[in-house]
Amino acid sequence: MTAKQILDSFSQTLIQDERILNPQERQLLVSLLENTKAPGSNPEIQSAVTATIARSVGETVAQRAFALIGGSIVEKILAGTSNLTGSHRLVDLIAGEKTTKPPHSPQPPEPSPDEKPPTDPKPSPPPLPGPMPPGGERVQEPVQSSVSRHGPVTASNMLGMENQLCVVMDEFLGQQELEELICYALEHEAEFQNSEVLSPNASGGVIDYEHRRSRVLMDLGKHQEVILKRIRCVLQKVLDRLGIEEFPVVRTEAQITASNDGDFFRPHTDSGQETVTSRRIAFVYFFHREPRQFSGGELRLHDPRGNAQTSSYQSIIPQHNQIVFFPCSVLHEITQVECQSQAFADSRFTLNGWLHR
């Protein structure tokens, strides 16, 4: 069974469950969708309205379905613990009983000092239940203390809590928009330039290979307006989640960044220099050819109460067609990318930029 067949079957099951959508809600949706097909309507407006309705329905259905699934899981756990005593037994039930190794069991050999440990895949913490609905958002889990919490974060294991480091949204662009963006980046390979960094000792940007290595494309063509239009649609929700007051966006910056084997960006903020103090919100949209041909390149966000050496951080693993929003004042970095082919087309690509107030 293909992924589409699985999704279609799952959707059919959900729409028949009145706990997910009651008859009145279904009828309302039918009426709304019929009104979008009125004769003479602008096709682009029809498509935008339909997409907005789809995202809203997806978020509502996902929330209700997750609640039902979670309730069912809790009931099963409670039923299974009736003959167990002690909280540690409940932990064993959830995590799964661990098999005790027999005495003198053989141990795996220790890696030699010269042996390079594998870089992919990386361990990740257990995800929270439920997949991300298209266009849905997760908010970065708060860093509780200065004790290091160094672990990868994906959209499926972030907690929906306010006033946090970042907001992550999956399936941000439509499939055609995404494919056109990939083609655009590959067709303009010759126009990518070495990335620069801002320096207080220079009037403009400077190349500093000790601090940053990557290549950027400043001319995004139509794709800049495509992604900015989508960002404008979700900006209020992003600001609410980050606990930032609404502000007038007076200017925007955007660029495409290609990171290949050995590329990185050391810890920095995006509004620390005098020329960019008006930057308020940063966004990083991930895209790449599939299957992914690189590892690393994680976006690492540091606890603002510390610094790059002592603070806790969370690492966001690049996911295709995913966008991350965070305040420009947050200390962050890009970990080193490993790409065995070193081919430009296999790079870690981002469409990243800033909103100025």
Protein backbone atom coordinates (compact mmCIF):
# COMPACT_ATOMS: atom_id res chain seq x y z
CA MET A 1 0.00 0.00 0.00
CA THR A 2 1.38 3.39 -1.00
CA ALA A 3 1.68 6.34 1.39
CA LYS A 4 -1.19 8.09 -0.44
CA GLN A 5 -3.43 5.02 -0.09
CA ILE A 6 -2.67 4.87 3.64
CA LEU A 7 -3.51 8.57 4.06
CA ASP A 8 -6.71 8.21 2.02
CA SER A 9 -7.81 5.24 4.13
CA PHE A 10 -6.98 7.09 7.34
CA SER A 11 -8.88 10.20 6.17
CA GLN A 12 -11.94 8.12 5.28
CA THR A 13 -11.93 6.56 8.75
CA LEU A 14 -11.64 9.92 10.51
CA ILE A 15 -14.40 11.65 8.56
CA GLN A 16 -16.86 8.89 9.52
CA ASP A 17 -16.17 9.35 13.25
CA GLU A 18 -18.55 11.98 14.69
CA ARG A 19 -16.13 12.56 17.57
CA ILE A 20 -13.75 14.02 14.97
CA LEU A 21 -16.26 15.94 12.79
CA ASN A 22 -19.94 16.03 13.71
CA PRO A 23 -22.66 16.20 11.01
CA GLN A 24 -23.16 19.95 11.44
CA GLU A 25 -19.45 20.62 10.96
CA ARG A 26 -19.31 18.42 7.87
CA GLN A 27 -22.29 20.24 6.37
CA LEU A 28 -20.66 23.60 7.08
CA LEU A 29 -17.49 22.46 5.31
CA VAL A 30 -19.52 21.32 2.30
CA SER A 31 -21.19 24.74 2.10
CA LEU A 32 -17.87 26.59 2.40
CA LEU A 33 -16.22 24.50 -0.31
CA GLU A 34 -19.21 24.87 -2.64
CA ASN A 35 -19.07 28.65 -2.25
CA THR A 36 -15.40 28.68 -3.31
CA LYS A 37 -16.44 27.17 -6.66
CA ALA A 38 -18.83 29.97 -7.59
CA PRO A 39 -18.82 30.70 -11.37
CA GLY A 40 -16.52 33.55 -12.36
CA SER A 41 -14.38 33.33 -9.23
CA ASN A 42 -10.66 33.91 -9.55
CA PRO A 43 -8.92 30.47 -9.69
CA GLU A 44 -6.00 31.70 -7.56
CA ILE A 45 -8.37 32.98 -4.88
CA GLN A 46 -10.31 29.70 -5.01
CA SER A 47 -7.07 27.75 -4.54
CA ALA A 48 -5.91 29.97 -1.65
CA VAL A 49 -9.27 29.72 0.14
CA THR A 50 -9.38 25.94 -0.32
CA ALA A 51 -5.82 25.61 1.02
CA THR A 52 -6.68 27.75 4.07
CA ILE A 53 -9.76 25.63 4.80
CA ALA A 54 -7.68 22.46 4.39
CA ARG A 55 -5.05 23.65 6.86
CA SER A 56 -7.70 24.64 9.42
CA VAL A 57 -9.51 21.32 9.05
CA GLY A 58 -6.20 19.45 9.29
CA GLU A 59 -5.25 21.16 12.54
CA THR A 60 -8.71 20.55 14.08
CA VAL A 61 -8.87 16.91 13.00
CA ALA A 62 -5.30 16.25 14.18
CA GLN A 63 -5.93 17.76 17.62
CA ARG A 64 -9.12 15.77 18.15
CA ALA A 65 -7.64 12.55 16.81
CA PHE A 66 -4.52 12.88 18.99
CA ALA A 67 -6.71 13.44 22.06
CA LEU A 68 -8.74 10.29 21.32
CA ILE A 69 -5.64 8.21 20.64
CA GLY A 70 -3.95 9.53 23.79
CA GLY A 71 -7.02 8.69 25.89
CA SER A 72 -7.06 5.16 24.51
CA ILE A 73 -3.36 4.68 25.28
CA VAL A 74 -3.82 5.94 28.86
CA GLU A 75 -6.73 3.52 29.40
CA LYS A 76 -4.61 0.61 28.21
CA ILE A 77 -1.70 1.65 30.43
CA LEU A 78 -3.97 1.92 33.47
CA ALA A 79 -5.52 -1.46 32.70
CA GLY A 80 -2.09 -3.01 32.37
CA THR A 81 -0.84 -1.63 35.67
CA SER A 82 -3.60 -3.08 37.88
CA ASN A 83 -1.30 -5.86 39.09
CA LEU A 84 1.85 -3.76 39.26
CA THR A 85 3.14 -1.86 42.28
CA GLY A 86 5.55 1.06 42.41
CA SER A 87 6.05 3.91 39.99
CA HIS A 88 9.17 2.26 38.60
CA ARG A 89 7.00 -0.61 37.33
CA LEU A 90 4.86 1.87 35.38
CA VAL A 91 8.01 3.28 33.80
CA ASP A 92 9.06 -0.25 32.85
CA LEU A 93 5.64 -0.86 31.27
CA ILE A 94 5.81 2.29 29.13
CA ALA A 95 9.46 1.96 28.15
CA GLY A 96 9.37 -1.83 27.70
CA GLU A 97 11.02 -4.40 29.97
CA LYS A 98 14.77 -4.47 29.47
CA THR A 99 16.44 -7.82 29.00
CA THR A 100 19.09 -8.56 31.63
CA LYS A 101 22.40 -9.56 30.13
CA PRO A 102 23.74 -12.95 31.28
CA PRO A 103 26.97 -12.93 33.28
CA HIS A 104 30.16 -12.62 31.23
CA SER A 105 28.21 -11.78 28.07
CA PRO A 106 30.52 -10.57 25.28
CA GLN A 107 30.85 -6.81 25.01
CA PRO A 108 31.28 -4.91 21.74
CA PRO A 109 34.86 -3.85 21.06
CA GLU A 110 35.92 -0.34 22.02
CA PRO A 111 36.51 1.89 18.96
CA SER A 112 40.11 2.82 18.38
CA PRO A 113 41.14 6.47 18.85
CA ASP A 114 41.71 6.83 15.10
CA GLU A 115 38.36 5.36 14.17
CA LYS A 116 35.84 8.02 13.15
CA PRO A 117 32.42 7.44 14.74
CA PRO A 118 29.43 7.34 12.41
CA THR A 119 27.70 10.67 11.96
CA ASP A 120 24.33 9.52 10.62
CA PRO A 121 21.88 8.55 11.86
CA LYS A 122 22.03 10.42 15.18
CA PRO A 123 20.15 9.35 18.32
CA SER A 124 17.00 11.29 19.06
CA PRO A 125 14.74 11.54 22.11
CA PRO A 126 11.42 9.66 22.10
CA PRO A 127 8.83 11.59 20.05
CA LEU A 128 5.54 12.78 21.43
CA PRO A 129 2.51 10.94 20.05
CA GLY A 130 1.13 11.89 16.67
CA PRO A 131 2.45 13.19 13.35
CA MET A 132 2.45 16.83 12.35
CA PRO A 133 -0.56 17.94 10.30
CA PRO A 134 0.34 19.79 7.07
CA GLY A 135 1.10 23.42 7.86
CA GLY A 136 0.92 22.74 11.60
CA GLU A 137 3.32 24.20 14.10
CA ARG A 138 5.25 22.98 17.09
CA VAL A 139 6.96 25.22 19.57
CA GLN A 140 10.40 24.64 21.03
CA GLU A 141 10.39 22.95 24.41
CA PRO A 142 11.67 25.33 27.08
CA VAL A 143 15.19 24.90 28.44
CA GLN A 144 14.68 24.32 32.15
CA SER A 145 18.16 24.98 33.53
CA SER A 146 21.80 25.44 32.64
CA VAL A 147 22.23 21.67 32.68
CA SER A 148 22.99 20.58 29.14
CA ARG A 149 20.05 19.11 27.20
CA HIS A 150 21.91 18.36 24.01
CA GLY A 151 19.54 16.44 21.78
CA PRO A 152 18.07 16.68 18.30
CA VAL A 153 14.63 18.20 17.98
CA THR A 154 12.20 17.53 15.16
CA ALA A 155 8.74 18.90 14.58
CA SER A 156 7.18 15.71 15.91
CA ASN A 157 8.68 15.98 19.39
CA MET A 158 8.30 19.66 20.24
CA LEU A 159 5.84 20.73 22.88
CA GLY A 160 3.11 23.26 22.07
CA MET A 161 4.06 25.87 24.68
CA GLU A 162 4.25 29.65 24.41
CA ASN A 163 7.14 32.11 24.79
CA GLN A 164 9.78 29.64 23.62
CA LEU A 165 12.84 29.68 21.42
CA CYS A 166 11.26 28.82 18.09
CA VAL A 167 8.23 27.75 16.10
CA VAL A 168 8.54 24.92 13.58
CA MET A 169 6.07 24.32 10.73
CA ASP A 170 6.04 21.31 8.41
CA GLU A 171 4.91 21.08 4.77
CA PHE A 172 5.23 24.84 4.45
CA LEU A 173 5.21 25.15 0.65
CA GLY A 174 3.06 23.37 -1.89
CA GLN A 175 4.66 20.51 -3.83
CA GLN A 176 4.91 22.48 -7.09
CA GLU A 177 6.35 25.52 -5.30
CA LEU A 178 8.93 23.29 -3.63
CA GLU A 179 9.97 21.55 -6.86
CA GLU A 180 10.32 24.88 -8.66
CA LEU A 181 12.46 26.24 -5.82
CA ILE A 182 14.82 23.24 -6.00
CA CYS A 183 15.13 23.61 -9.78
CA TYR A 184 15.80 27.33 -9.41
CA ALA A 185 18.63 26.77 -6.92
CA LEU A 186 20.29 24.11 -9.07
CA GLU A 187 19.97 26.14 -12.28
CA HIS A 188 21.66 29.16 -10.62
CA GLU A 189 24.63 27.29 -9.12
CA ALA A 190 27.12 29.58 -10.89
CA GLU A 191 25.61 32.65 -9.21
CA PHE A 192 26.16 31.44 -5.62
CA GLN A 193 28.88 33.44 -3.84
CA ASN A 194 30.95 32.73 -0.74
CA SER A 195 29.06 33.66 2.40
CA GLU A 196 30.11 36.74 4.35
CA VAL A 197 29.77 37.75 7.99
CA LEU A 198 29.19 41.19 9.46
CA SER A 199 32.14 42.74 11.24
CA PRO A 200 32.25 45.84 13.48
CA ASN A 201 35.59 46.69 11.86
CA ALA A 202 34.23 46.76 8.29
CA SER A 203 31.56 48.80 6.55
CA GLY A 204 30.07 45.70 4.91
CA GLY A 205 30.37 41.95 5.01
CA VAL A 206 33.68 40.09 5.06
CA ILE A 207 34.63 36.50 4.26
CA ASP A 208 35.84 34.67 7.37
CA TYR A 209 36.35 30.94 6.84
CA GLU A 210 37.06 30.45 10.54
CA HIS A 211 33.55 31.65 11.42
CA ARG A 212 31.39 30.68 8.44
CA ARG A 213 31.63 28.48 5.37
CA SER A 214 28.81 28.24 2.82
CA ARG A 215 27.60 29.84 -0.40
CA VAL A 216 24.63 32.17 -0.88
CA LEU A 217 22.36 33.33 -3.68
CA MET A 218 20.87 36.76 -3.15
CA ASP A 219 18.52 36.88 -6.17
CA LEU A 220 15.58 34.59 -5.39
CA GLY A 221 13.42 35.60 -8.34
CA LYS A 222 9.71 34.95 -7.76
CA HIS A 223 10.46 32.58 -4.88
CA GLN A 224 11.12 35.41 -2.44
CA GLU A 225 7.55 36.69 -2.75
CA VAL A 226 6.16 33.13 -2.68
CA ILE A 227 7.63 32.37 0.72
CA LEU A 228 7.09 35.87 2.14
CA LYS A 229 3.41 35.67 1.19
CA ARG A 230 3.12 32.39 3.10
CA ILE A 231 5.04 33.85 6.05
CA ARG A 232 2.66 36.80 6.24
CA CYS A 233 -0.26 34.36 6.55
CA VAL A 234 1.20 32.70 9.67
CA LEU A 235 3.17 35.58 11.20
CA GLN A 236 0.59 36.54 13.82
CA LYS A 237 0.41 32.94 15.05
CA VAL A 238 4.22 32.76 15.17
CA LEU A 239 4.48 35.98 17.19
CA ASP A 240 1.82 34.76 19.61
CA ARG A 241 3.69 31.51 20.15
CA LEU A 242 7.01 33.27 20.66
CA GLY A 243 5.45 35.79 23.04
CA ILE A 244 6.44 38.74 20.84
CA GLU A 245 4.17 41.73 20.35
CA GLU A 246 2.96 42.43 16.82
CA PHE A 247 5.15 44.91 14.95
CA PRO A 248 5.10 46.54 11.52
CA VAL A 249 7.41 44.72 9.10
CA VAL A 250 9.17 47.59 7.33
CA ARG A 251 11.76 45.52 5.46
CA THR A 252 12.59 41.91 4.66
CA GLU A 253 15.79 40.10 3.67
CA ALA A 254 15.99 36.68 2.07
CA GLN A 255 18.64 34.49 0.49
CA ILE A 256 19.26 30.89 -0.50
CA THR A 257 22.17 29.25 1.31
CA ALA A 258 23.93 26.11 0.09
CA SER A 259 26.04 24.21 2.63
CA ASN A 260 28.21 21.36 1.43
CA ASP A 261 30.91 19.10 2.88
CA GLY A 262 32.74 20.81 5.75
CA ASP A 263 30.53 23.91 5.80
CA PHE A 264 29.34 25.43 9.10
CA PHE A 265 28.40 28.67 10.87
CA ARG A 266 29.83 29.35 14.35
CA PRO A 267 27.61 30.67 17.20
CA HIS A 268 26.19 34.12 16.46
CA THR A 269 23.10 36.27 16.69
CA ASP A 270 21.40 37.91 13.70
CA SER A 271 20.93 41.36 15.23
CA GLY A 272 24.16 41.94 17.14
CA GLN A 273 25.78 44.43 14.75
CA GLU A 274 24.68 48.07 14.53
CA THR A 275 23.63 47.76 10.88
CA VAL A 276 21.10 44.98 11.60
CA THR A 277 19.64 45.91 14.98
CA SER A 278 16.22 46.32 13.34
CA ARG A 279 16.05 42.59 12.58
CA ARG A 280 13.33 41.05 14.72
CA ILE A 281 12.41 37.56 13.46
CA ALA A 282 14.65 35.09 11.62
CA PHE A 283 13.30 32.27 9.47
CA VAL A 284 15.06 29.21 8.05
CA TYR A 285 13.26 27.09 5.44
CA PHE A 286 14.91 23.70 4.76
CA PHE A 287 14.87 21.97 1.39
CA HIS A 288 17.09 19.47 -0.44
CA ARG A 289 17.04 16.70 -2.99
CA GLU A 290 15.61 13.42 -1.79
CA PRO A 291 16.85 11.07 -0.57
CA ARG A 292 19.02 13.38 1.50
CA GLN A 293 22.71 13.03 0.66
CA PHE A 294 24.20 14.92 3.60
CA SER A 295 24.31 14.64 7.38
CA GLY A 296 24.85 17.24 10.10
CA GLY A 297 23.97 20.84 9.36
CA GLU A 298 21.70 21.05 12.39
CA LEU A 299 20.33 24.42 13.50
CA ARG A 300 21.43 24.67 17.13
CA LEU A 301 19.56 27.20 19.30
CA HIS A 302 21.14 28.19 22.60
CA ASP A 303 19.43 29.11 25.84
CA PRO A 304 19.54 32.95 25.92
CA ARG A 305 20.41 32.82 29.62
CA GLY A 306 23.85 31.36 28.87
CA ASN A 307 26.45 31.34 26.10
CA ALA A 308 27.73 28.89 23.50
CA GLN A 309 30.16 27.26 25.93
CA THR A 310 27.94 26.83 28.99
CA SER A 311 24.31 27.00 27.92
CA SER A 312 21.83 24.31 27.09
CA TYR A 313 20.75 24.07 23.51
CA GLN A 314 18.39 22.24 21.19
CA SER A 315 19.36 21.04 17.74
CA ILE A 316 16.83 21.07 14.92
CA ILE A 317 17.60 18.45 12.28
CA PRO A 318 16.95 19.76 8.73
CA GLN A 319 13.67 18.34 7.44
CA HIS A 320 12.56 18.75 3.84
CA ASN A 321 9.87 21.46 3.35
CA GLN A 322 10.07 22.63 6.97
CA ILE A 323 10.47 26.19 8.28
CA VAL A 324 11.76 27.45 11.64
CA PHE A 325 11.05 30.89 13.14
CA PHE A 326 13.00 32.35 16.07
CA PRO A 327 13.95 35.78 17.50
CA CYS A 328 17.06 37.30 15.93
CA SER A 329 18.52 37.84 19.41
CA VAL A 330 18.80 34.09 20.05
CA LEU A 331 22.35 32.73 19.89
CA HIS A 332 22.47 29.99 17.26
CA GLU A 333 24.83 28.09 15.00
CA ILE A 334 24.92 25.58 12.13
CA THR A 335 26.85 22.40 12.87
CA GLN A 336 29.29 21.06 10.29
CA VAL A 337 27.79 19.44 7.20
CA GLU A 338 29.09 16.15 5.84
CA CYS A 339 28.37 15.41 2.16
CA GLN A 340 30.41 12.55 0.73
CA SER A 341 29.63 13.30 -2.92
CA GLN A 342 30.53 17.00 -2.49
CA ALA A 343 28.14 17.63 -5.40
CA PHE A 344 26.38 20.98 -5.30
CA ALA A 345 23.03 19.31 -5.97
CA ASP A 346 23.45 17.22 -2.80
CA SER A 347 23.92 20.29 -0.56
CA ARG A 348 21.90 21.31 2.47
CA PHE A 349 19.78 24.16 1.12
CA THR A 350 17.89 26.79 3.08
CA LEU A 351 15.84 29.80 2.08
CA ASN A 352 16.56 31.97 5.08
CA GLY A 353 16.01 35.59 5.97
CA TRP A 354 14.89 38.23 8.44
CA LEU A 355 11.91 40.47 9.17
CA HIS A 356 12.79 44.04 10.22
CA ARG A 357 10.70 46.32 12.38
